[in-house]
Protein backbone atom coordinates (compact mmCIF):
# COMPACT_ATOMS: atom_id res chain seq x y z
CA MET A 1 -159.13 106.10 -196.66
CA ILE A 2 -159.12 103.49 -199.40
CA GLU A 3 -160.96 104.33 -202.58
CA ALA A 4 -163.32 101.61 -203.73
CA HIS A 5 -163.43 102.96 -207.26
CA ARG A 6 -161.34 105.09 -209.56
CA GLY A 7 -162.00 106.65 -212.93
CA ALA A 8 -164.77 105.00 -214.88
CA GLY A 9 -165.02 102.06 -212.48
CA MET A 10 -168.47 103.08 -211.30
CA LEU A 11 -169.80 102.24 -214.75
CA ALA A 12 -169.77 98.54 -213.80
CA PRO A 13 -172.80 98.64 -211.48
CA GLY A 14 -174.30 101.41 -213.62
CA PHE A 15 -174.37 99.13 -216.64
CA GLY A 16 -176.06 96.42 -214.59
CA ILE A 17 -178.73 98.73 -213.24
CA LEU A 18 -179.34 100.37 -216.61
CA SER A 19 -179.62 97.09 -218.50
CA ALA A 20 -182.01 95.70 -215.86
CA LEU A 21 -184.17 98.79 -216.12
CA VAL A 22 -184.24 98.71 -219.92
CA MET A 23 -185.01 94.98 -220.04
CA ASN A 24 -187.79 95.38 -217.46
CA VAL A 25 -189.39 98.17 -219.51
CA ILE A 26 -189.04 96.24 -222.77
CA SER A 27 -190.52 93.05 -221.36
CA PHE A 28 -193.35 95.03 -219.74
CA LYS A 29 -194.22 96.80 -223.02
CA LEU A 30 -193.95 93.71 -225.24
CA PHE A 31 -195.13 90.83 -223.05
CA GLY A 32 -197.11 92.21 -220.14
CA VAL A 33 -196.80 93.00 -216.48
CA SER A 34 -195.33 89.89 -214.90
CA HIS A 35 -193.25 88.48 -217.76
CA TYR A 36 -189.94 89.76 -216.34
CA ASP A 37 -190.60 88.08 -212.99
CA GLU A 38 -191.87 84.78 -214.36
CA HIS A 39 -189.19 84.03 -216.96
CA LYS A 40 -185.46 83.66 -216.57
CA TRP A 41 -184.29 84.79 -220.03
CA PRO A 42 -184.76 88.54 -219.34
CA LYS A 43 -182.55 88.34 -216.25
CA LEU A 44 -179.99 86.25 -218.09
CA SER A 45 -179.91 88.76 -220.93
CA VAL A 46 -179.45 91.58 -218.40
CA LEU A 47 -176.28 89.91 -217.11
CA LEU A 48 -174.97 89.26 -220.60
CA VAL A 49 -175.68 92.80 -221.85
CA ALA A 50 -174.10 94.37 -218.75
CA GLY A 51 -171.03 92.15 -219.16
CA LEU A 52 -170.70 93.04 -222.82
CA ALA A 53 -171.09 96.76 -222.02
CA CYS A 54 -168.37 96.55 -219.36
CA LEU A 55 -166.03 94.77 -221.75
CA ILE A 56 -166.54 97.21 -224.61
CA ALA A 57 -166.43 100.35 -222.45
CA GLY A 58 -163.39 99.15 -220.52
CA LEU A 59 -161.41 98.36 -223.65
CA LEU A 60 -162.38 101.60 -225.39
CA ILE A 61 -161.51 103.76 -222.38
CA LYS A 62 -158.23 101.93 -221.88
CA ARG A 63 -157.27 102.41 -225.53
CA LYS A 64 -158.24 106.10 -225.44
CA ARG A 65 -156.19 106.72 -222.32
CA ARG A 66 -153.20 104.89 -223.76
CA LYS A 67 -153.29 106.89 -227.00
CA ARG A 68 -154.39 110.39 -226.07
CA ASP A 69 -153.90 110.90 -222.37
CA ALA A 70 -150.49 109.29 -221.80
CA HIS A 71 -148.51 112.52 -222.10
CA ILE A 72 -150.98 114.44 -219.91
CA GLU A 73 -150.79 111.82 -217.18
CA GLU A 74 -147.00 111.71 -217.35
CA ALA A 75 -146.81 115.51 -217.08
CA TYR A 76 -149.11 115.41 -214.06
CA ILE A 77 -147.01 112.76 -212.32
CA ASN A 78 -143.82 114.68 -213.02
CA SER A 79 -145.35 117.91 -211.68
CA LEU A 80 -145.93 116.36 -208.26
CA SER A 81 -143.39 117.03 -205.57
CA PRO A 82 -140.41 114.65 -205.59
CA LYS A 83 -140.50 114.77 -201.81
CA PHE A 84 -143.42 112.33 -201.77
CA GLU A 85 -142.15 109.78 -204.28
CA THR A 86 -143.45 106.72 -202.37
CA ALA A 87 -146.91 108.22 -201.89
CA LYS A 88 -147.00 109.15 -205.57
CA GLN A 89 -146.17 105.60 -206.62
CA MET A 90 -148.79 104.11 -204.31
CA ALA A 91 -151.51 106.55 -205.34
CA LEU A 92 -150.98 106.13 -209.07
CA ALA A 93 -150.29 102.39 -209.13
CA GLY A 94 -152.82 99.91 -210.37
CA PRO A 95 -155.57 100.15 -212.95
CA ARG A 96 -156.88 103.57 -213.88
CA ASP A 97 -160.56 102.56 -214.05
CA HIS A 98 -161.52 100.09 -211.37
CA LEU A 99 -164.23 99.15 -208.92
CA MET A 100 -163.08 97.25 -205.84
CA PHE A 101 -159.64 97.01 -207.47
CA ILE A 102 -161.07 95.07 -210.42
CA PRO A 103 -160.56 96.86 -213.77
CA LEU A 104 -163.72 97.78 -215.67
CA GLN A 105 -163.17 95.35 -218.54
CA TYR A 106 -162.73 92.46 -216.10
CA TRP A 107 -166.13 93.15 -214.56
CA SER A 108 -167.46 91.53 -217.73
CA LEU A 109 -166.08 88.23 -216.45
CA VAL A 110 -167.97 88.73 -213.19
CA TYR A 111 -171.22 89.37 -215.09
CA PHE A 112 -170.64 86.41 -217.43
CA ALA A 113 -169.90 84.10 -214.48
CA ALA A 114 -173.05 85.32 -212.74
CA ALA A 115 -174.99 84.56 -215.92
CA ILE A 116 -173.60 81.01 -216.03
CA VAL A 117 -174.41 80.43 -212.36
CA TYR A 118 -177.92 81.85 -212.83
CA ALA A 119 -178.53 79.67 -215.90
CA LEU A 120 -177.36 76.53 -214.12
CA LYS A 121 -179.20 77.31 -210.91
CA SER A 122 -182.63 77.97 -212.40
């Protein structure tokens, strides 16, 4: 079975959902009931905030893993059986934090592109 996410990769849709929820509550409290639905700037800001959150979180997690967890990960890889060397390389290859094989920090590009498309479309 192929994993669709690994590590902190599930933060990418989580940031989108959380920023949409927060922006909906803020626009409801400040501007009234239907302001979020009638205007495009709250939705555009949701995409930009989610993209910025993915970029910052992805870079911070990557830096933390590179600094602190490198020796732990190497010890874990070395503790695995040498009999399954090919399986070990396949399982541990690729980005550590991804969703649909896209690293977390690159999901910011997806959100930013969606924001551009949304701004041009509406």
